[in-house]
Amino acid sequence: MYLASNVNTQLYETTKITIKEETATISIVVDSKYFHALGAIHGSVYFKLLDDAAFFAVNSIVKDAFVLTTSFNINITRPVSHGKITAYGKIKFKSRNLFVAESTLVDEKEREIAFGTGNFTKSRVSLSEEIGYR
């Protein structure tokens, strides 16, 4: 479902994702189409990877419903303009309807370039083939 979405097939063609119990890893190869005017990755790319990694860490344990991000805060610590970047997401807190997950984004030398924390909740949308879930 994730890799087939329009944003990933048309903008982030190099996306790789691995989902395990309470964790998720997402990586892309940096391309100049992600750059802002100063020649480094735009903050929206940092946000997308951090949010997606945290989201899938949560959805790895929520088997019956689509999860929604209710808030997400990021901190960018280093600009990147080449190589592969990888986001690692993991659950920090879980209850019946509220989940908190954090994620870290690193460059190909495993240097932290950004990190974030988000709150997530279960939606009323069932995970089904109708929404592309398999």
N, C-alpha and C. Protein backbone atom coordinates (compact mmCIF):
# COMPACT_ATOMS: atom_id res chain seq x y z
N MET A 1 0.83 -1.18 0.00
CA MET A 1 0.00 0.00 0.00
C MET A 1 0.89 1.26 0.00
N TYR A 2 1.90 1.27 0.84
CA TYR A 2 2.77 2.44 0.96
C TYR A 2 3.56 2.68 -0.33
N LEU A 3 4.22 1.66 -0.82
CA LEU A 3 5.05 1.82 -2.01
C LEU A 3 4.24 2.12 -3.26
N ALA A 4 2.95 1.73 -3.27
CA ALA A 4 2.10 1.95 -4.44
C ALA A 4 1.43 3.32 -4.44
N SER A 5 1.54 4.09 -3.36
CA SER A 5 0.88 5.40 -3.30
C SER A 5 1.51 6.35 -4.32
N ASN A 6 0.72 7.30 -4.81
CA ASN A 6 1.19 8.23 -5.85
C ASN A 6 2.45 8.97 -5.44
N VAL A 7 2.52 9.44 -4.21
CA VAL A 7 3.69 10.23 -3.79
C VAL A 7 4.96 9.39 -3.85
N ASN A 8 4.86 8.10 -3.58
CA ASN A 8 6.05 7.25 -3.61
C ASN A 8 6.38 6.74 -5.00
N THR A 9 5.40 6.53 -5.84
CA THR A 9 5.71 6.05 -7.19
C THR A 9 6.14 7.18 -8.11
N GLN A 10 5.69 8.41 -7.85
CA GLN A 10 6.02 9.52 -8.75
C GLN A 10 7.10 10.45 -8.23
N LEU A 11 7.25 10.56 -6.92
CA LEU A 11 8.25 11.47 -6.37
C LEU A 11 9.42 10.74 -5.73
N TYR A 12 9.13 9.69 -5.00
CA TYR A 12 10.17 8.98 -4.25
C TYR A 12 10.34 7.57 -4.81
N GLU A 13 10.79 7.47 -6.06
CA GLU A 13 10.88 6.18 -6.73
C GLU A 13 11.85 5.20 -6.08
N THR A 14 12.79 5.68 -5.30
CA THR A 14 13.81 4.80 -4.72
C THR A 14 13.46 4.35 -3.30
N THR A 15 12.23 4.55 -2.87
CA THR A 15 11.83 4.23 -1.49
C THR A 15 11.93 2.74 -1.21
N LYS A 16 12.53 2.43 -0.07
CA LYS A 16 12.59 1.05 0.45
C LYS A 16 12.03 1.10 1.86
N ILE A 17 11.23 0.11 2.23
CA ILE A 17 10.62 0.08 3.56
C ILE A 17 10.68 -1.32 4.15
N THR A 18 10.96 -1.39 5.44
CA THR A 18 10.93 -2.63 6.19
C THR A 18 10.12 -2.37 7.46
N ILE A 19 9.13 -3.22 7.70
CA ILE A 19 8.28 -3.06 8.88
C ILE A 19 8.38 -4.32 9.72
N LYS A 20 8.66 -4.12 11.01
CA LYS A 20 8.71 -5.22 11.98
C LYS A 20 7.86 -4.81 13.18
N GLU A 21 7.73 -5.69 14.14
CA GLU A 21 6.93 -5.41 15.33
C GLU A 21 7.45 -4.17 16.05
N GLU A 22 6.65 -3.11 16.08
CA GLU A 22 6.93 -1.84 16.76
C GLU A 22 8.05 -1.01 16.15
N THR A 23 8.54 -1.39 14.97
CA THR A 23 9.58 -0.60 14.31
C THR A 23 9.33 -0.54 12.80
N ALA A 24 9.92 0.47 12.18
CA ALA A 24 9.88 0.58 10.72
C ALA A 24 11.14 1.32 10.26
N THR A 25 11.63 0.95 9.09
CA THR A 25 12.80 1.58 8.49
C THR A 25 12.44 1.97 7.06
N ILE A 26 12.71 3.22 6.71
CA ILE A 26 12.41 3.71 5.36
C ILE A 26 13.64 4.45 4.84
N SER A 27 14.03 4.17 3.60
CA SER A 27 15.18 4.86 3.03
C SER A 27 14.88 5.32 1.60
N ILE A 28 15.58 6.38 1.21
CA ILE A 28 15.54 6.86 -0.18
C ILE A 28 16.95 7.29 -0.57
N VAL A 29 17.17 7.33 -1.87
CA VAL A 29 18.40 7.89 -2.41
C VAL A 29 18.11 9.36 -2.71
N VAL A 30 18.97 10.24 -2.22
CA VAL A 30 18.78 11.68 -2.40
C VAL A 30 18.86 12.04 -3.88
N ASP A 31 17.96 12.90 -4.30
CA ASP A 31 17.90 13.37 -5.68
C ASP A 31 17.73 14.89 -5.63
N SER A 32 18.25 15.59 -6.60
CA SER A 32 18.16 17.06 -6.60
C SER A 32 16.71 17.56 -6.67
N LYS A 33 15.77 16.75 -7.10
CA LYS A 33 14.37 17.18 -7.12
C LYS A 33 13.82 17.40 -5.72
N TYR A 34 14.52 16.95 -4.69
CA TYR A 34 14.09 17.15 -3.30
C TYR A 34 14.67 18.42 -2.69
N PHE A 35 15.47 19.18 -3.45
CA PHE A 35 16.23 20.30 -2.89
C PHE A 35 15.42 21.60 -2.82
N HIS A 36 15.79 22.42 -1.84
CA HIS A 36 15.31 23.80 -1.79
C HIS A 36 16.34 24.67 -2.53
N ALA A 37 16.17 25.97 -2.51
CA ALA A 37 17.01 26.89 -3.29
C ALA A 37 18.49 26.86 -2.92
N LEU A 38 18.82 26.38 -1.71
CA LEU A 38 20.22 26.34 -1.29
C LEU A 38 20.92 25.02 -1.60
N GLY A 39 20.24 24.11 -2.32
CA GLY A 39 20.89 22.89 -2.78
C GLY A 39 20.96 21.76 -1.77
N ALA A 40 20.05 21.72 -0.81
CA ALA A 40 19.97 20.60 0.14
C ALA A 40 18.51 20.17 0.23
N ILE A 41 18.27 19.05 0.89
CA ILE A 41 16.92 18.50 0.98
C ILE A 41 15.97 19.46 1.68
N HIS A 42 14.80 19.64 1.11
CA HIS A 42 13.74 20.46 1.69
C HIS A 42 13.20 19.79 2.95
N GLY A 43 12.79 20.58 3.91
CA GLY A 43 12.27 20.06 5.18
C GLY A 43 11.08 19.14 5.03
N SER A 44 10.32 19.29 3.96
CA SER A 44 9.16 18.41 3.76
C SER A 44 9.59 16.96 3.55
N VAL A 45 10.77 16.74 2.99
CA VAL A 45 11.28 15.38 2.80
C VAL A 45 11.68 14.79 4.14
N TYR A 46 12.35 15.58 4.97
CA TYR A 46 12.68 15.13 6.33
C TYR A 46 11.40 14.72 7.06
N PHE A 47 10.40 15.62 7.00
CA PHE A 47 9.14 15.36 7.69
C PHE A 47 8.49 14.07 7.19
N LYS A 48 8.40 13.91 5.88
CA LYS A 48 7.73 12.73 5.31
C LYS A 48 8.37 11.44 5.79
N LEU A 49 9.68 11.36 5.71
CA LEU A 49 10.36 10.13 6.11
C LEU A 49 10.23 9.87 7.61
N LEU A 50 10.38 10.91 8.43
CA LEU A 50 10.26 10.73 9.87
C LEU A 50 8.83 10.33 10.27
N ASP A 51 7.84 11.02 9.72
CA ASP A 51 6.44 10.70 10.01
C ASP A 51 6.09 9.30 9.53
N ASP A 52 6.49 8.95 8.33
CA ASP A 52 6.17 7.63 7.78
C ASP A 52 6.80 6.51 8.60
N ALA A 53 8.04 6.67 9.03
CA ALA A 53 8.70 5.62 9.82
C ALA A 53 7.99 5.44 11.16
N ALA A 54 7.64 6.54 11.82
CA ALA A 54 6.92 6.45 13.09
C ALA A 54 5.53 5.86 12.87
N PHE A 55 4.84 6.32 11.83
CA PHE A 55 3.50 5.83 11.49
C PHE A 55 3.49 4.31 11.32
N PHE A 56 4.43 3.79 10.53
CA PHE A 56 4.44 2.35 10.28
C PHE A 56 4.91 1.54 11.48
N ALA A 57 5.70 2.13 12.35
CA ALA A 57 6.02 1.46 13.61
C ALA A 57 4.74 1.23 14.39
N VAL A 58 3.88 2.25 14.43
CA VAL A 58 2.59 2.13 15.13
C VAL A 58 1.67 1.17 14.39
N ASN A 59 1.53 1.35 13.08
CA ASN A 59 0.60 0.49 12.34
C ASN A 59 1.05 -0.97 12.32
N SER A 60 2.30 -1.24 12.70
CA SER A 60 2.77 -2.63 12.77
C SER A 60 2.07 -3.40 13.88
N ILE A 61 1.53 -2.71 14.88
CA ILE A 61 0.83 -3.40 15.97
C ILE A 61 -0.67 -3.15 15.96
N VAL A 62 -1.13 -2.21 15.12
CA VAL A 62 -2.56 -1.97 14.98
C VAL A 62 -3.00 -2.73 13.74
N LYS A 63 -3.64 -3.86 13.95
CA LYS A 63 -3.93 -4.77 12.83
C LYS A 63 -5.31 -4.56 12.20
N ASP A 64 -6.18 -3.80 12.87
CA ASP A 64 -7.56 -3.71 12.42
C ASP A 64 -7.96 -2.38 11.79
N ALA A 65 -7.17 -1.32 12.00
CA ALA A 65 -7.58 0.00 11.52
C ALA A 65 -6.38 0.79 11.01
N PHE A 66 -6.68 1.71 10.10
CA PHE A 66 -5.67 2.64 9.60
C PHE A 66 -5.34 3.60 10.74
N VAL A 67 -4.09 3.95 10.88
CA VAL A 67 -3.63 4.86 11.92
C VAL A 67 -3.52 6.26 11.33
N LEU A 68 -3.82 7.26 12.15
CA LEU A 68 -3.71 8.66 11.74
C LEU A 68 -2.68 9.39 12.60
N THR A 69 -1.90 10.25 11.97
CA THR A 69 -1.00 11.13 12.71
C THR A 69 -1.84 12.29 13.23
N THR A 70 -1.79 12.52 14.55
CA THR A 70 -2.52 13.66 15.11
C THR A 70 -1.60 14.84 15.39
N SER A 71 -0.33 14.59 15.58
CA SER A 71 0.66 15.66 15.69
C SER A 71 2.04 15.05 15.45
N PHE A 72 2.94 15.88 14.94
CA PHE A 72 4.31 15.40 14.72
C PHE A 72 5.24 16.60 14.76
N ASN A 73 6.30 16.48 15.52
CA ASN A 73 7.28 17.54 15.66
C ASN A 73 8.64 17.04 15.17
N ILE A 74 9.31 17.85 14.32
CA ILE A 74 10.63 17.44 13.84
C ILE A 74 11.68 18.46 14.21
N ASN A 75 12.91 17.98 14.28
CA ASN A 75 14.09 18.80 14.50
C ASN A 75 15.11 18.41 13.45
N ILE A 76 15.52 19.37 12.64
CA ILE A 76 16.52 19.12 11.60
C ILE A 76 17.87 19.55 12.14
N THR A 77 18.84 18.65 12.11
CA THR A 77 20.14 18.94 12.72
C THR A 77 21.28 19.05 11.72
N ARG A 78 21.07 18.60 10.48
CA ARG A 78 22.16 18.63 9.51
C ARG A 78 21.58 18.62 8.09
N PRO A 79 22.09 19.47 7.19
CA PRO A 79 21.63 19.43 5.81
C PRO A 79 22.25 18.25 5.06
N VAL A 80 21.52 17.76 4.06
CA VAL A 80 22.01 16.65 3.24
C VAL A 80 21.75 16.98 1.77
N SER A 81 22.71 16.66 0.91
CA SER A 81 22.54 16.93 -0.52
C SER A 81 22.95 15.76 -1.41
N HIS A 82 23.33 14.63 -0.81
CA HIS A 82 23.67 13.46 -1.64
C HIS A 82 23.62 12.18 -0.78
N GLY A 83 23.65 11.05 -1.46
CA GLY A 83 23.69 9.75 -0.78
C GLY A 83 22.32 9.20 -0.44
N LYS A 84 22.33 8.22 0.42
CA LYS A 84 21.10 7.56 0.87
C LYS A 84 20.79 8.05 2.28
N ILE A 85 19.51 8.29 2.55
CA ILE A 85 19.09 8.64 3.90
C ILE A 85 18.08 7.62 4.39
N THR A 86 18.11 7.35 5.70
CA THR A 86 17.27 6.30 6.27
C THR A 86 16.61 6.80 7.54
N ALA A 87 15.31 6.55 7.65
CA ALA A 87 14.54 6.88 8.85
C ALA A 87 14.24 5.60 9.62
N TYR A 88 14.47 5.64 10.92
CA TYR A 88 14.18 4.52 11.82
C TYR A 88 13.09 4.96 12.78
N GLY A 89 11.96 4.27 12.77
CA GLY A 89 10.85 4.60 13.66
C GLY A 89 10.63 3.52 14.69
N LYS A 90 10.21 3.93 15.91
CA LYS A 90 9.90 2.95 16.95
C LYS A 90 8.86 3.52 17.90
N ILE A 91 8.08 2.63 18.46
CA ILE A 91 7.04 3.03 19.41
C ILE A 91 7.66 3.33 20.76
N LYS A 92 7.20 4.43 21.37
CA LYS A 92 7.65 4.82 22.70
C LYS A 92 6.55 4.61 23.76
N PHE A 93 5.29 4.71 23.37
CA PHE A 93 4.16 4.58 24.29
C PHE A 93 2.97 4.04 23.52
N LYS A 94 2.19 3.19 24.17
CA LYS A 94 0.98 2.68 23.52
C LYS A 94 -0.10 2.47 24.56
N SER A 95 -1.32 2.82 24.15
CA SER A 95 -2.51 2.56 24.95
C SER A 95 -3.59 2.11 23.97
N ARG A 96 -4.82 2.05 24.42
CA ARG A 96 -5.89 1.54 23.55
C ARG A 96 -6.05 2.37 22.27
N ASN A 97 -6.01 3.70 22.40
CA ASN A 97 -6.24 4.55 21.23
C ASN A 97 -5.17 5.59 20.97
N LEU A 98 -4.19 5.70 21.85
CA LEU A 98 -3.12 6.68 21.67
C LEU A 98 -1.78 5.97 21.60
N PHE A 99 -0.99 6.40 20.64
CA PHE A 99 0.36 5.84 20.45
C PHE A 99 1.32 6.99 20.26
N VAL A 100 2.50 6.89 20.84
CA VAL A 100 3.56 7.86 20.64
C VAL A 100 4.74 7.11 20.04
N ALA A 101 5.27 7.65 18.95
CA ALA A 101 6.42 7.02 18.30
C ALA A 101 7.45 8.08 17.98
N GLU A 102 8.71 7.65 17.95
CA GLU A 102 9.79 8.56 17.60
C GLU A 102 10.52 7.99 16.39
N SER A 103 11.18 8.88 15.69
CA SER A 103 11.97 8.43 14.55
C SER A 103 13.23 9.29 14.43
N THR A 104 14.23 8.66 13.86
CA THR A 104 15.52 9.31 13.63
C THR A 104 15.88 9.15 12.16
N LEU A 105 16.40 10.20 11.56
CA LEU A 105 16.82 10.17 10.17
C LEU A 105 18.33 10.32 10.13
N VAL A 106 18.99 9.40 9.41
CA VAL A 106 20.45 9.42 9.34
C VAL A 106 20.91 9.44 7.88
N ASP A 107 22.13 9.94 7.69
CA ASP A 107 22.72 9.91 6.35
C ASP A 107 23.42 8.57 6.15
N GLU A 108 24.08 8.41 4.99
CA GLU A 108 24.69 7.12 4.69
C GLU A 108 25.87 6.79 5.58
N LYS A 109 26.38 7.77 6.32
CA LYS A 109 27.45 7.52 7.29
C LYS A 109 26.88 7.30 8.70
N GLU A 110 25.55 7.13 8.78
CA GLU A 110 24.83 6.92 10.04
C GLU A 110 24.88 8.12 10.98
N ARG A 111 25.13 9.32 10.44
CA ARG A 111 25.08 10.54 11.24
C ARG A 111 23.64 11.02 11.29
N GLU A 112 23.19 11.37 12.48
CA GLU A 112 21.82 11.87 12.62
C GLU A 112 21.69 13.20 11.89
N ILE A 113 20.63 13.29 11.07
CA ILE A 113 20.37 14.54 10.35
C ILE A 113 19.05 15.17 10.78
N ALA A 114 18.19 14.38 11.44
CA ALA A 114 16.91 14.90 11.95
C ALA A 114 16.30 13.86 12.88
N PHE A 115 15.38 14.33 13.73
CA PHE A 115 14.62 13.41 14.58
C PHE A 115 13.26 14.00 14.84
N GLY A 116 12.32 13.15 15.23
CA GLY A 116 10.97 13.63 15.47
C GLY A 116 10.19 12.71 16.39
N THR A 117 9.10 13.26 16.91
CA THR A 117 8.19 12.51 17.77
C THR A 117 6.77 12.83 17.35
N GLY A 118 5.93 11.80 17.31
CA GLY A 118 4.55 12.01 16.90
C GLY A 118 3.54 11.28 17.74
N ASN A 119 2.32 11.79 17.70
CA ASN A 119 1.17 11.14 18.33
C ASN A 119 0.29 10.57 17.23
N PHE A 120 -0.22 9.38 17.48
CA PHE A 120 -1.02 8.67 16.50
C PHE A 120 -2.25 8.08 17.17
N THR A 121 -3.32 7.92 16.39
CA THR A 121 -4.54 7.32 16.91
C THR A 121 -5.13 6.40 15.85
N LYS A 122 -5.94 5.45 16.30
CA LYS A 122 -6.64 4.56 15.38
C LYS A 122 -7.78 5.33 14.72
N SER A 123 -7.96 5.12 13.44
CA SER A 123 -9.08 5.74 12.73
C SER A 123 -10.25 4.76 12.71
N ARG A 124 -11.31 5.17 12.06
CA ARG A 124 -12.48 4.29 11.89
C ARG A 124 -12.42 3.54 10.56
N VAL A 125 -11.31 3.71 9.83
CA VAL A 125 -11.15 3.06 8.53
C VAL A 125 -10.47 1.71 8.74
N SER A 126 -11.16 0.66 8.36
CA SER A 126 -10.62 -0.69 8.49
C SER A 126 -9.52 -0.93 7.48
N LEU A 127 -8.52 -1.69 7.89
CA LEU A 127 -7.47 -2.10 6.96
C LEU A 127 -8.08 -3.17 6.05
N SER A 128 -8.18 -2.86 4.76
CA SER A 128 -8.81 -3.78 3.82
C SER A 128 -8.18 -3.59 2.44
N GLU A 129 -8.47 -4.52 1.57
CA GLU A 129 -7.98 -4.42 0.20
C GLU A 129 -8.55 -3.22 -0.52
N GLU A 130 -9.72 -2.73 -0.08
CA GLU A 130 -10.36 -1.57 -0.71
C GLU A 130 -9.48 -0.33 -0.63
N ILE A 131 -8.65 -0.22 0.40
CA ILE A 131 -7.75 0.92 0.51
C ILE A 131 -6.32 0.55 0.12
N GLY A 132 -6.13 -0.65 -0.45
CA GLY A 132 -4.83 -1.08 -0.92
C GLY A 132 -4.03 -1.89 0.07
N TYR A 133 -4.65 -2.25 1.20
CA TYR A 133 -3.94 -3.01 2.24
C TYR A 133 -3.90 -4.49 1.87
N ARG A 134 -2.69 -5.09 2.03
CA ARG A 134 -2.55 -6.54 1.80
C ARG A 134 -1.71 -7.13 2.90
